[in-house]
Protein backbone atom coordinates (compact mmCIF):
# COMPACT_ATOMS: atom_id res chain seq x y z
CA MET A 1 -25.67 -58.27 -2.42
CA ALA A 2 -26.56 -55.15 -4.05
CA GLY A 3 -28.27 -54.88 -7.29
CA THR A 4 -25.35 -54.65 -9.63
CA ALA A 5 -23.34 -57.68 -7.99
CA HIS A 6 -22.91 -60.69 -9.67
CA HIS A 7 -23.85 -64.26 -8.70
CA ASP A 8 -21.25 -66.45 -8.30
CA PRO A 9 -21.68 -69.79 -8.45
CA VAL A 10 -18.57 -71.28 -7.99
CA ALA A 11 -17.58 -69.05 -5.22
CA VAL A 12 -20.70 -70.04 -3.68
CA GLN A 13 -19.66 -73.54 -4.28
CA ASP A 14 -16.54 -72.80 -2.54
CA GLU A 15 -18.14 -71.53 0.51
CA ILE A 16 -20.27 -74.27 1.07
CA ILE A 17 -17.15 -76.95 0.37
CA ALA A 18 -15.68 -74.78 3.69
CA SER A 19 -18.42 -74.73 5.77
CA PHE A 20 -18.71 -78.61 5.27
CA ARG A 21 -14.87 -79.12 5.85
CA LEU A 22 -15.60 -77.44 9.45
CA LEU A 23 -17.85 -80.59 10.49
CA PRO A 24 -16.19 -83.95 9.73
CA GLU A 25 -18.68 -86.33 11.00
CA TRP A 26 -21.48 -86.93 8.84
CA LEU A 27 -24.03 -86.69 11.69
CA ASP A 28 -22.97 -82.81 11.90
CA ARG A 29 -23.15 -82.96 8.36
CA TYR A 30 -26.73 -84.17 8.52
CA GLN A 31 -27.33 -81.71 11.44
CA TYR A 32 -26.33 -79.00 8.91
CA LEU A 33 -28.35 -80.06 5.76
CA ILE A 34 -31.62 -80.10 8.27
CA ASP A 35 -30.66 -76.48 9.71
CA LEU A 36 -30.47 -75.22 6.11
CA GLY A 37 -33.71 -76.69 5.07
CA LYS A 38 -35.45 -75.23 8.09
CA ARG A 39 -34.05 -72.03 7.17
CA LEU A 40 -35.71 -72.23 3.58
CA PRO A 41 -38.80 -69.57 3.33
CA PRO A 42 -41.50 -71.68 3.44
CA LEU A 43 -44.23 -71.47 0.07
CA PRO A 44 -47.67 -70.65 0.63
CA GLU A 45 -49.86 -73.77 0.84
CA GLU A 46 -51.60 -71.82 -2.21
CA GLU A 47 -48.52 -72.62 -4.52
CA LYS A 48 -48.04 -76.25 -2.95
CA THR A 49 -49.59 -77.31 -6.39
CA ASP A 50 -49.35 -80.47 -7.64
CA ASP A 51 -48.26 -79.18 -11.24
CA LYS A 52 -45.38 -77.85 -8.92
CA LEU A 53 -44.62 -81.01 -7.49
CA LEU A 54 -41.18 -82.32 -8.74
CA ALA A 55 -41.01 -86.32 -10.43
CA GLY A 56 -38.20 -88.43 -9.37
CA CYS A 57 -37.94 -87.42 -5.54
CA GLN A 58 -39.59 -89.63 -3.07
CA SER A 59 -40.72 -86.68 -0.59
CA ARG A 60 -42.33 -83.69 -1.86
CA VAL A 61 -40.55 -81.16 -3.50
CA TRP A 62 -42.49 -77.91 -5.01
CA LEU A 63 -39.95 -76.13 -7.32
CA TYR A 64 -40.36 -72.66 -8.81
CA LEU A 65 -38.31 -71.50 -11.25
CA GLU A 66 -39.06 -67.56 -12.14
CA GLY A 67 -37.04 -64.78 -13.73
CA ASP A 68 -35.47 -64.81 -17.70
CA ALA A 69 -32.11 -66.11 -19.35
CA GLY A 70 -30.94 -62.80 -17.34
CA ARG A 71 -31.47 -64.30 -14.07
CA ILE A 72 -33.30 -67.06 -12.95
CA THR A 73 -35.03 -67.33 -8.82
CA ILE A 74 -35.43 -70.66 -7.71
CA ARG A 75 -37.81 -71.16 -5.14
CA ALA A 76 -38.61 -74.48 -3.72
CA ASN A 77 -39.38 -76.61 -0.63
CA SER A 78 -39.96 -80.04 0.79
CA ASP A 79 -41.60 -81.91 2.92
CA ALA A 80 -38.73 -84.18 3.93
CA ALA A 81 -35.72 -82.63 6.00
CA ILE A 82 -32.82 -83.52 4.34
CA VAL A 83 -34.01 -82.93 1.10
CA SER A 84 -34.82 -79.34 2.05
CA GLY A 85 -31.45 -78.64 3.08
CA LEU A 86 -29.99 -80.50 -0.32
CA ILE A 87 -32.87 -77.33 -1.49
CA ALA A 88 -31.14 -75.21 0.38
CA LEU A 89 -27.88 -75.75 -1.62
CA LEU A 90 -28.69 -75.71 -4.84
CA ILE A 91 -30.63 -72.43 -4.19
CA GLN A 92 -27.57 -70.97 -3.00
CA VAL A 93 -25.62 -71.89 -5.81
CA TYR A 94 -27.87 -71.07 -9.10
CA SER A 95 -30.77 -68.66 -7.81
CA GLY A 96 -29.62 -65.18 -8.86
CA CYS A 97 -27.61 -66.58 -11.71
CA SER A 98 -28.15 -66.32 -15.58
CA ALA A 99 -29.73 -69.45 -17.34
CA ARG A 100 -25.50 -69.58 -18.74
CA GLN A 101 -24.36 -69.94 -16.03
CA ILE A 102 -26.56 -72.64 -14.85
CA VAL A 103 -25.81 -74.55 -18.11
CA ASP A 104 -22.36 -74.02 -17.48
CA THR A 105 -21.90 -74.53 -14.05
CA GLU A 106 -21.02 -78.00 -12.30
CA PRO A 107 -22.17 -78.86 -9.14
CA HIS A 108 -18.79 -79.97 -7.49
CA PHE A 109 -19.99 -79.56 -4.67
CA VAL A 110 -21.70 -82.59 -4.06
CA ARG A 111 -18.86 -84.45 -4.59
CA ALA A 112 -15.99 -82.66 -2.68
CA ILE A 113 -18.50 -82.65 0.31
CA GLY A 114 -19.17 -86.10 0.19
CA LEU A 115 -22.64 -85.80 -1.07
CA ALA A 116 -22.50 -88.54 -3.60
CA ASP A 117 -21.02 -90.98 -1.22
CA HIS A 118 -23.15 -90.57 1.70
CA LEU A 119 -26.96 -89.92 0.36
CA SER A 120 -29.48 -92.96 0.28
CA PRO A 121 -29.81 -94.05 -3.80
CA THR A 122 -33.34 -91.99 -3.45
CA ARG A 123 -32.22 -89.09 -1.94
CA ALA A 124 -29.61 -88.94 -4.58
CA ASN A 125 -32.00 -89.37 -7.59
CA GLY A 126 -34.07 -86.39 -6.48
CA LEU A 127 -31.04 -84.51 -5.72
CA HIS A 128 -30.18 -85.39 -9.48
CA ALA A 129 -34.18 -84.66 -10.58
CA MET A 130 -34.11 -80.60 -9.08
CA LEU A 131 -30.60 -80.37 -10.48
CA ASN A 132 -32.31 -81.52 -13.86
CA ALA A 133 -35.23 -79.38 -13.57
CA ILE A 134 -32.80 -76.32 -13.03
CA LYS A 135 -30.59 -76.99 -15.86
CA SER A 136 -33.38 -78.14 -18.04
CA HIS A 137 -35.12 -74.78 -17.29
CA ALA A 138 -32.16 -72.84 -18.00
CA GLU A 139 -31.28 -74.63 -21.51
CA GLY A 140 -34.43 -73.67 -22.21
CA LEU A 141 -34.31 -70.22 -22.25
CA LEU A 142 -31.00 -69.83 -23.67
């Protein structure tokens, strides 16, 4: 994106939904999630600290929320493949947004692509924990 381009989290979600609709089988969708997770930039080992571990996730998730109310950057990673894919989706939608955009944008892609129905309860809880942490951080900046 060019320096002045505005991040549109709704348009990004529509792109995610379109990508998942190309994969009608859930095994293919899980593989796509895993592939997305593998493309996440790795966090340096020194950043994988306990104070950045997200509570509420069965797998280990390190979450960094940086920036100010005008633009929040999200960096995160997990030791679990599918969870890393979920992180990648949240980063696509919310990283680069203003705090107001994050607070105001519901993750409608979760239901639209069927994640809500196809994630195990522990992964669903982890997704909600990540989303809640991102939204809480944004609310704290407003």
